[in-house]
Amino acid sequence: MVLRIRAIAGLGLPALIFGSTLVGCAHDGGGIAAAGSRAVVRSEERAAANAAKAREALEQGRPAEAVSLAEAAVAMQPVDARYRMLLAQSYLKAGRFLSAEAAYGDTLKLAPGDARAALNLALAQIASGHMAAALTTLDTHQALINPADRGLALALAGDAEAGVQVLTAAVRSPDATAKARQNLGLALALSGNWIEARSMAGIDLSPTEADERVMQWAAFAKPDHASDQIAALLGVKAAKDPGQPVALALNASVPVAVAKAEPVQVSQPVPAAVPASAPVVVASVPSPVAPRIVFAPRVEVVQAVPPAIPYKRPVVTARADVAPRRPAPLRAAQKGDWFVQIGAYDSAGAAKSAWSRAQQRYAGFAREAPTGMTVKAGGREFYRLSVGGFARSDAEATCRAYRAKGGTCFVRTGAGDQTAAWSKGKVQIAAR
């Protein structure tokens, strides 16, 4: 049974595994480069060209082609960590988990501080059924991997109790994100604690959406094969894998000059909460879902606006016989049952501070009254800060505008949201 979970982005895995930036270390050519050999130069150029084509093939959804091109790049430049990482990504996207496991292992030998390679190696090992090896990888590289991702990976590797402990600590952090909370919900589901899982899902989702998410988790928790869960999180289909070609294996006997790498800590931007339309597994990883699992919240990418072209206002001479035209009034937002959720906080006081920051970030909130409600999960209370009472189109437009200013939010239906008590006085004064 292969599940296709669209909310992988909410889980955070895709951002780590298929991010556009490859983390690695370029090798030092040493004496060979200094010798200026034309053959070496041609080999480097051909490797770079193949790698560029492989990245393009991955972006366009042609993983099998990407694999062939990345293998060619690695064959020409076997000690370049960037090409090893690209090869591993290509194998993973093609559903070749055994080959991905070998390629990520080689990448870590060349770039031991690469957090992305460490996490993805563990995921490939889980998909290959090598649970003990995955737990060892997660333990060895725990200082590099973001706790919100490591906790969920531990649960997927069979140690749900340890995963819940790691994620519980992450959720208690003042900087906890919706991604971390949804990952904790999934880990609780994988451990069989469905009541707590449902409560955790409800912190960032409406009651209806939380019920749907739990249903998705339930289906996700009962895979037919070891590779089903990881394949579902990545939105790929597991393929028969003969393994990485022996000729491409990193030869430990060959001296490798690798630039010293600083540890890379992969942080999850949140993610933003998992969209309401995202499928849910009962039993994501809150990807193409994780949402992926929820290893992590979706990252909004704001494209730079091209520079404006100077505009000179034409000079218009008023005519005495023509009445001046009045500007058309602004369209009032339509009322409805849709809200823009800005975040979930430990207390109403923390939510109040967050609202002040949100207003400073986005001027459009100045004319809105903050709303919210208190929910309980994991024996604790959280305050969900929102703004709304909009028609759906207006709620979506408001959220897009806020994200364009660097904020994080998502749109959901009302779930008992009320005007925040700490803002009622200001609202009454403004109304006068």
Protein backbone atom coordinates (compact mmCIF):
# COMPACT_ATOMS: atom_id res chain seq x y z
CA MET A 1 0.00 0.00 0.00
CA VAL A 2 1.63 3.25 -1.12
CA LEU A 3 0.13 6.40 0.32
CA ARG A 4 0.41 9.73 -1.42
CA ILE A 5 0.48 12.45 1.16
CA ARG A 6 0.35 15.87 -0.43
CA ALA A 7 1.18 17.74 2.75
CA ILE A 8 4.78 16.58 2.76
CA ALA A 9 5.85 20.19 2.92
CA GLY A 10 4.12 20.50 6.24
CA LEU A 11 6.25 17.64 7.46
CA GLY A 12 9.45 19.28 6.35
CA LEU A 13 11.21 16.41 4.58
CA PRO A 14 11.13 17.70 1.02
CA ALA A 15 12.73 20.93 2.03
CA LEU A 16 15.62 18.96 3.46
CA ILE A 17 15.91 16.24 0.87
CA PHE A 18 15.12 18.06 -2.32
CA GLY A 19 16.12 21.59 -1.45
CA SER A 20 17.64 23.61 -4.24
CA THR A 21 20.86 24.16 -2.29
CA LEU A 22 23.27 21.25 -2.16
CA VAL A 23 25.32 21.18 1.02
CA GLY A 24 28.77 19.74 0.58
CA CYS A 25 32.45 20.40 0.26
CA ALA A 26 34.35 20.83 -2.96
CA HIS A 27 37.61 18.90 -3.02
CA ASP A 28 41.01 20.46 -3.43
CA GLY A 29 42.59 19.42 -6.71
CA GLY A 30 46.08 19.71 -5.23
CA GLY A 31 48.98 18.92 -7.51
CA ILE A 32 46.79 17.60 -10.31
CA ALA A 33 44.99 20.91 -10.71
CA ALA A 34 48.29 22.77 -10.53
CA ALA A 35 49.68 20.65 -13.31
CA GLY A 36 47.10 22.15 -15.62
CA SER A 37 46.37 18.89 -17.36
CA ARG A 38 43.94 19.43 -20.20
CA ALA A 39 42.44 16.01 -19.61
CA VAL A 40 41.70 16.90 -16.00
CA VAL A 41 40.17 20.22 -16.98
CA ARG A 42 37.96 18.55 -19.57
CA SER A 43 36.89 15.95 -17.02
CA GLU A 44 35.89 18.66 -14.54
CA GLU A 45 33.97 20.56 -17.19
CA ARG A 46 32.11 17.46 -18.36
CA ALA A 47 31.28 16.52 -14.78
CA ALA A 48 29.87 19.99 -14.09
CA ALA A 49 27.81 19.86 -17.31
CA ASN A 50 26.37 16.45 -16.42
CA ALA A 51 25.57 17.63 -12.90
CA ALA A 52 23.74 20.68 -14.23
CA LYS A 53 21.66 18.48 -16.55
CA ALA A 54 20.94 16.09 -13.66
CA ARG A 55 19.60 18.93 -11.50
CA GLU A 56 17.42 20.08 -14.37
CA ALA A 57 16.07 16.56 -14.86
CA LEU A 58 15.24 16.32 -11.14
CA GLU A 59 13.39 19.63 -11.21
CA GLN A 60 11.40 18.49 -14.23
CA GLY A 61 10.42 15.15 -12.69
CA ARG A 62 12.75 12.83 -14.63
CA PRO A 63 14.61 11.02 -11.82
CA ALA A 64 15.80 8.07 -13.95
CA GLU A 65 17.53 10.46 -16.34
CA ALA A 66 18.94 12.40 -13.38
CA VAL A 67 20.44 9.19 -12.01
CA SER A 68 22.34 8.44 -15.24
CA LEU A 69 23.69 12.00 -15.48
CA ALA A 70 24.67 12.16 -11.80
CA GLU A 71 26.43 8.79 -12.04
CA ALA A 72 28.44 10.15 -14.98
CA ALA A 73 29.40 13.25 -12.96
CA VAL A 74 30.53 11.13 -9.99
CA ALA A 75 32.51 8.78 -12.25
CA MET A 76 34.49 11.79 -13.54
CA GLN A 77 34.89 13.51 -10.16
CA PRO A 78 34.55 10.76 -7.50
CA VAL A 79 35.68 12.86 -4.52
CA ASP A 80 33.43 15.87 -5.07
CA ALA A 81 30.85 15.87 -2.25
CA ARG A 82 28.43 18.01 -4.27
CA TYR A 83 28.13 15.40 -7.00
CA ARG A 84 27.80 12.61 -4.45
CA MET A 85 24.92 14.49 -2.80
CA LEU A 86 23.27 15.06 -6.17
CA LEU A 87 23.57 11.34 -6.97
CA ALA A 88 22.01 10.43 -3.61
CA GLN A 89 19.11 12.82 -4.19
CA SER A 90 18.54 11.35 -7.64
CA TYR A 91 18.46 7.80 -6.28
CA LEU A 92 16.04 8.84 -3.54
CA LYS A 93 13.70 10.59 -5.97
CA ALA A 94 13.78 7.51 -8.21
CA GLY A 95 12.72 5.30 -5.29
CA ARG A 96 16.09 3.48 -5.24
CA PHE A 97 16.58 3.46 -1.49
CA LEU A 98 19.49 0.99 -1.29
CA SER A 99 21.50 3.06 -3.77
CA ALA A 100 20.55 6.27 -1.95
CA GLU A 101 21.79 4.75 1.32
CA ALA A 102 25.20 4.02 -0.24
CA ALA A 103 25.44 7.44 -1.90
CA TYR A 104 24.52 9.37 1.24
CA GLY A 105 27.04 7.30 3.19
CA ASP A 106 29.75 8.29 0.69
CA THR A 107 28.65 11.93 0.91
CA LEU A 108 29.10 11.93 4.69
CA LYS A 109 32.63 10.52 4.31
CA LEU A 110 33.50 13.51 2.14
CA ALA A 111 31.46 16.08 4.10
CA PRO A 112 31.01 14.81 7.68
CA GLY A 113 29.33 18.04 8.78
CA ASP A 114 26.45 17.85 6.29
CA ALA A 115 23.23 17.66 8.34
CA ARG A 116 21.04 17.07 5.29
CA ALA A 117 23.06 14.05 4.21
CA ALA A 118 22.91 12.63 7.76
CA LEU A 119 19.12 12.91 8.00
CA ASN A 120 18.53 11.60 4.50
CA LEU A 121 20.90 8.68 5.10
CA ALA A 122 18.74 7.68 8.07
CA LEU A 123 15.56 7.96 5.97
CA ALA A 124 17.08 5.82 3.20
CA GLN A 125 18.12 3.23 5.79
CA ILE A 126 14.58 3.17 7.20
CA ALA A 127 13.14 2.69 3.71
CA SER A 128 15.60 -0.17 3.12
CA GLY A 129 14.51 -1.87 6.35
CA HIS A 130 17.85 -1.19 8.08
CA MET A 131 16.27 0.18 11.28
CA ALA A 132 19.23 -0.48 13.60
CA ALA A 133 21.58 1.32 11.19
CA ALA A 134 19.15 4.25 10.99
CA LEU A 135 19.00 4.58 14.78
CA THR A 136 22.81 4.54 14.89
CA THR A 137 22.98 7.27 12.24
CA LEU A 138 20.49 9.45 14.12
CA ASP A 139 22.40 8.98 17.37
CA THR A 140 25.82 9.66 15.81
CA HIS A 141 24.65 12.87 14.11
CA GLN A 142 22.14 14.10 16.70
CA ALA A 143 24.03 17.37 17.17
CA LEU A 144 23.57 18.23 13.48
CA ILE A 145 19.96 17.24 12.81
CA ASN A 146 17.09 19.53 13.78
CA PRO A 147 15.24 17.95 16.76
CA ALA A 148 11.86 18.35 15.04
CA ASP A 149 13.13 16.11 12.22
CA ARG A 150 15.24 13.77 14.31
CA GLY A 151 12.35 12.98 16.65
CA LEU A 152 10.07 11.96 13.81
CA ALA A 153 12.84 9.94 12.15
CA LEU A 154 13.40 8.07 15.43
CA ALA A 155 9.71 7.17 15.52
CA LEU A 156 9.81 5.98 11.91
CA ALA A 157 12.88 3.88 12.71
CA GLY A 158 10.91 2.01 15.37
CA ASP A 159 11.80 3.93 18.55
CA ALA A 160 8.58 5.91 18.94
CA GLU A 161 9.16 6.50 22.66
CA ALA A 162 12.51 8.22 22.05
CA GLY A 163 10.98 10.19 19.18
CA VAL A 164 8.17 11.45 21.42
CA GLN A 165 10.69 12.52 24.07
CA VAL A 166 12.80 14.48 21.57
CA LEU A 167 9.76 16.14 20.00
CA THR A 168 8.15 16.96 23.35
CA ALA A 169 11.28 18.90 24.31
CA ALA A 170 11.22 20.65 20.92
CA VAL A 171 7.56 21.63 21.34
CA ARG A 172 8.25 23.13 24.78
CA SER A 173 10.82 25.48 23.28
CA PRO A 174 9.73 29.15 22.99
CA ASP A 175 10.54 28.89 19.27
CA ALA A 176 8.39 25.80 18.70
CA THR A 177 6.74 25.67 15.28
CA ALA A 178 3.59 24.11 13.88
CA LYS A 179 5.83 21.60 12.15
CA ALA A 180 7.28 20.38 15.44
CA ARG A 181 3.81 20.03 16.94
CA GLN A 182 2.47 18.08 13.97
CA ASN A 183 5.54 15.84 13.98
CA LEU A 184 4.92 15.17 17.67
CA GLY A 185 1.32 14.31 16.85
CA LEU A 186 2.44 11.77 14.28
CA ALA A 187 5.05 10.29 16.64
CA LEU A 188 2.33 9.92 19.30
CA ALA A 189 0.15 8.17 16.72
CA LEU A 190 2.98 5.80 15.80
CA SER A 191 3.37 5.00 19.51
CA GLY A 192 -0.34 4.18 19.76
CA ASN A 193 -1.31 7.24 21.83
CA TRP A 194 -4.23 8.38 19.66
CA ILE A 195 -5.92 10.66 22.19
CA GLU A 196 -2.80 12.79 22.66
CA ALA A 197 -2.12 12.67 18.91
CA ARG A 198 -5.57 14.10 18.18
CA SER A 199 -5.10 16.83 20.79
CA MET A 200 -1.75 17.83 19.31
CA ALA A 201 -3.14 17.94 15.77
CA GLY A 202 -5.93 20.23 16.98
CA ILE A 203 -3.54 22.95 18.08
CA ASP A 204 -2.88 24.13 14.54
CA LEU A 205 -5.91 22.71 12.70
CA SER A 206 -9.66 23.11 12.93
CA PRO A 207 -11.58 20.21 14.53
CA THR A 208 -12.60 18.82 11.14
CA GLU A 209 -9.09 19.10 9.72
CA ALA A 210 -7.58 17.54 12.84
CA ASP A 211 -9.92 14.54 12.53
CA GLU A 212 -8.90 14.13 8.89
CA ARG A 213 -5.22 14.34 9.83
CA VAL A 214 -5.61 11.60 12.42
CA MET A 215 -7.31 9.40 9.82
CA GLN A 216 -4.32 9.90 7.54
CA TRP A 217 -1.95 9.02 10.36
CA ALA A 218 -3.90 5.83 11.02
CA ALA A 219 -3.45 4.64 7.43
CA PHE A 220 0.19 5.75 7.45
CA ALA A 221 0.93 3.73 10.59
CA LYS A 222 0.10 0.42 8.87
CA PRO A 223 2.48 0.07 5.90
CA ASP A 224 2.74 -3.16 3.92
CA HIS A 225 6.50 -2.79 3.41
CA ALA A 226 9.33 -0.95 5.14
CA SER A 227 9.67 1.44 2.22
CA ASP A 228 5.98 2.46 2.09
CA GLN A 229 6.12 5.22 4.70
CA ILE A 230 9.21 6.97 3.34
CA ALA A 231 7.97 6.59 -0.24
CA ALA A 232 4.63 8.10 0.77
CA LEU A 233 6.31 11.01 2.50
CA LEU A 234 8.44 11.75 -0.55
CA GLY A 235 5.69 11.16 -3.07
CA VAL A 236 7.72 8.52 -4.93
CA LYS A 237 7.25 4.88 -5.84
CA ALA A 238 9.74 2.35 -4.51
CA ALA A 239 11.63 0.68 -7.36
CA LYS A 240 13.61 -2.54 -7.68
CA ASP A 241 17.13 -1.47 -6.89
CA PRO A 242 20.27 -3.43 -7.88
CA GLY A 243 22.30 -1.05 -5.74
CA GLN A 244 24.83 1.60 -6.63
CA PRO A 245 27.33 0.47 -9.29
CA VAL A 246 30.45 -0.95 -7.65
CA ALA A 247 32.61 1.27 -9.85
CA LEU A 248 31.13 4.36 -8.19
CA ALA A 249 31.85 3.30 -4.60
CA LEU A 250 34.13 5.69 -2.78
CA ASN A 251 37.52 4.00 -2.57
CA ALA A 252 38.87 4.48 0.93
CA SER A 253 42.38 3.67 -0.28
CA VAL A 254 42.48 6.74 -2.50
CA PRO A 255 43.68 9.88 -0.67
CA VAL A 256 40.84 12.38 -0.55
CA ALA A 257 41.62 16.05 -0.04
CA VAL A 258 38.42 17.53 1.32
CA ALA A 259 37.92 21.07 2.49
CA LYS A 260 37.28 21.10 6.22
CA ALA A 261 33.56 21.50 6.69
CA GLU A 262 31.84 23.34 9.47
CA PRO A 263 28.83 21.50 10.91
CA VAL A 264 25.68 22.51 9.09
CA GLN A 265 22.55 22.85 11.22
CA VAL A 266 19.43 22.45 9.15
CA SER A 267 16.68 24.62 10.57
CA GLN A 268 13.06 24.28 9.65
CA PRO A 269 11.33 27.42 8.73
CA VAL A 270 7.96 26.64 9.47
CA PRO A 271 6.58 25.90 8.36
CA ALA A 272 4.00 26.83 8.36
CA ALA A 273 1.23 24.63 9.36
CA VAL A 274 0.08 21.85 7.12
CA PRO A 275 -2.54 23.11 4.67
CA ALA A 276 -6.13 22.19 5.40
CA SER A 277 -6.39 20.33 2.11
CA ALA A 278 -3.48 18.07 2.94
CA PRO A 279 -4.33 14.40 3.21
CA VAL A 280 -3.96 12.87 6.66
CA VAL A 281 -2.73 9.48 7.80
CA VAL A 282 -4.56 7.79 10.70
CA ALA A 283 -3.05 5.41 13.06
CA SER A 284 2.20 12.83 8.91
CA VAL A 285 4.23 12.69 8.98
CA PRO A 286 2.22 15.85 9.58
CA SER A 287 6.27 16.66 2.13
CA PRO A 288 5.19 15.92 -1.81
CA VAL A 289 4.02 15.39 2.04
CA ALA A 290 6.34 14.51 4.20
CA PRO A 291 3.78 16.29 4.45
CA ARG A 292 6.52 14.57 3.96
CA ILE A 293 5.74 13.51 7.08
CA VAL A 294 5.65 16.78 8.77
CA PHE A 295 9.41 17.05 9.01
CA ALA A 296 8.91 20.29 8.27
CA PRO A 297 6.76 23.42 7.68
CA ARG A 298 6.43 24.76 4.41
CA VAL A 299 8.69 27.63 3.44
CA GLU A 300 7.12 30.48 1.64
CA VAL A 301 9.34 31.89 -1.09
CA VAL A 302 8.73 35.55 -1.82
CA GLN A 303 9.92 36.57 -5.25
CA ALA A 304 11.65 39.89 -5.51
CA VAL A 305 9.57 42.59 -7.17
CA PRO A 306 11.30 44.07 -10.24
CA PRO A 307 12.34 47.70 -9.83
CA ALA A 308 9.54 50.08 -10.65
CA ILE A 309 9.81 52.26 -13.76
CA PRO A 310 9.78 55.98 -12.86
CA TYR A 311 6.42 57.42 -13.64
CA LYS A 312 5.68 61.07 -14.29
CA ARG A 313 2.15 62.09 -13.52
CA PRO A 314 0.66 64.03 -16.43
CA VAL A 315 -0.41 67.57 -15.71
CA VAL A 316 -4.16 67.91 -16.05
CA THR A 317 -5.83 71.29 -16.16
CA ALA A 318 -9.11 71.35 -14.29
CA ARG A 319 -12.16 72.40 -16.24
CA ALA A 320 -14.62 74.65 -14.52
CA ASP A 321 -17.59 72.99 -16.22
CA VAL A 322 -16.68 69.43 -15.09
CA ALA A 323 -17.21 68.28 -11.51
CA PRO A 324 -14.18 66.49 -9.99
CA ARG A 325 -14.48 62.68 -9.95
CA ARG A 326 -14.56 61.11 -6.53
CA PRO A 327 -12.40 58.05 -5.99
CA ALA A 328 -14.31 54.77 -5.81
CA PRO A 329 -14.68 53.51 -2.23
CA LEU A 330 -12.53 50.55 -1.22
CA ARG A 331 -14.34 47.21 -1.37
CA ALA A 332 -15.16 46.04 2.13
CA ALA A 333 -14.07 42.52 2.99
CA GLN A 334 -16.94 40.07 2.84
CA LYS A 335 -17.94 38.40 6.08
CA GLY A 336 -17.61 34.66 6.46
CA ASP A 337 -16.30 31.84 8.65
CA TRP A 338 -12.69 31.79 7.49
CA PHE A 339 -9.72 32.76 9.66
CA VAL A 340 -6.02 33.41 9.12
CA GLN A 341 -4.10 31.62 11.88
CA ILE A 342 -0.88 33.39 12.76
CA GLY A 343 0.46 30.96 15.36
CA ALA A 344 -0.09 28.95 18.56
CA TYR A 345 1.49 30.22 21.80
CA ASP A 346 1.97 29.14 25.41
CA SER A 347 -0.26 31.91 26.75
CA ALA A 348 -2.51 34.81 25.79
CA GLY A 349 0.30 37.14 26.89
CA ALA A 350 2.70 35.58 24.38
CA ALA A 351 -0.01 35.82 21.71
CA LYS A 352 -0.46 39.52 22.50
CA SER A 353 3.25 40.16 21.93
CA ALA A 354 3.11 38.14 18.71
CA TRP A 355 0.14 40.24 17.53
CA SER A 356 2.13 43.45 18.08
CA ARG A 357 4.97 42.05 15.97
CA ALA A 358 2.52 40.95 13.28
CA GLN A 359 1.02 44.45 13.07
CA GLN A 360 4.49 45.96 12.73
CA ARG A 361 5.28 43.52 9.94
CA TYR A 362 1.99 43.92 8.04
CA ALA A 363 0.11 47.24 8.11
CA GLY A 364 -3.10 45.56 6.93
CA PHE A 365 -3.62 44.10 10.41
CA ALA A 366 -3.99 47.61 11.88
CA ARG A 367 -7.70 47.66 10.98
CA GLU A 368 -8.38 44.11 12.22
CA ALA A 369 -9.20 42.85 15.69
CA PRO A 370 -7.16 39.82 16.84
CA THR A 371 -9.09 36.66 17.66
CA GLY A 372 -8.14 33.40 19.25
CA MET A 373 -9.03 30.50 21.48
CA THR A 374 -7.41 28.23 24.03
CA VAL A 375 -6.89 24.54 23.24
CA LYS A 376 -5.44 21.74 25.35
CA ALA A 377 -2.91 19.18 24.14
CA GLY A 378 -0.40 16.99 25.91
CA GLY A 379 -1.57 18.21 29.29
CA ARG A 380 -0.81 21.82 28.34
CA GLU A 381 -2.79 24.79 27.07
CA PHE A 382 -2.01 26.71 23.90
CA TYR A 383 -3.50 29.97 22.64
CA ARG A 384 -4.25 30.01 18.90
CA LEU A 385 -3.85 33.56 17.55
CA SER A 386 -5.87 34.39 14.45
CA VAL A 387 -7.71 37.14 12.62
CA GLY A 388 -10.80 36.62 10.57
CA GLY A 389 -14.47 36.30 10.07
CA PHE A 390 -13.70 36.65 6.33
CA ALA A 391 -15.01 35.11 3.15
CA ARG A 392 -12.54 32.47 2.00
CA SER A 393 -11.11 34.56 -0.85
CA ASP A 394 -10.48 37.50 1.51
CA ALA A 395 -8.84 35.23 4.10
CA GLU A 396 -6.53 33.76 1.46
CA ALA A 397 -5.65 37.23 0.15
CA THR A 398 -4.86 38.44 3.68
CA CYS A 399 -2.62 35.45 4.38
CA ARG A 400 -0.77 35.93 1.08
CA ALA A 401 -0.18 39.61 1.86
CA TYR A 402 1.14 38.78 5.33
CA ARG A 403 3.46 36.10 3.95
CA ALA A 404 4.77 38.60 1.42
CA LYS A 405 5.94 40.66 4.39
CA GLY A 406 7.80 37.68 5.84
CA GLY A 407 5.12 36.33 8.16
CA THR A 408 3.83 32.77 8.44
CA CYS A 409 0.15 31.83 8.45
CA PHE A 410 -2.46 29.50 7.04
CA VAL A 411 -6.18 29.69 6.34
CA ARG A 412 -8.77 27.56 8.12
CA THR A 413 -12.44 27.60 9.02
CA GLY A 414 -13.61 28.99 12.35
CA ALA A 415 -13.31 26.77 15.41
CA GLY A 416 -14.75 28.93 18.17
CA ASP A 417 -12.41 31.90 17.70
CA GLN A 418 -13.38 34.92 19.80
CA THR A 419 -12.09 38.48 19.92
CA ALA A 420 -9.00 38.49 22.16
CA ALA A 421 -9.83 39.78 25.65
CA TRP A 422 -6.68 41.91 25.76
CA SER A 423 -7.75 43.79 22.62
CA LYS A 424 -11.41 44.52 23.47
CA GLY A 425 -10.66 47.79 25.20
CA LYS A 426 -8.76 49.11 22.21
CA VAL A 427 -11.50 47.97 19.86
CA GLN A 428 -14.16 49.81 21.87
CA ILE A 429 -12.12 53.02 21.91
CA ALA A 430 -11.57 52.78 18.17
CA ALA A 431 -15.30 52.25 17.64
CA ARG A 432 -16.10 55.50 19.37
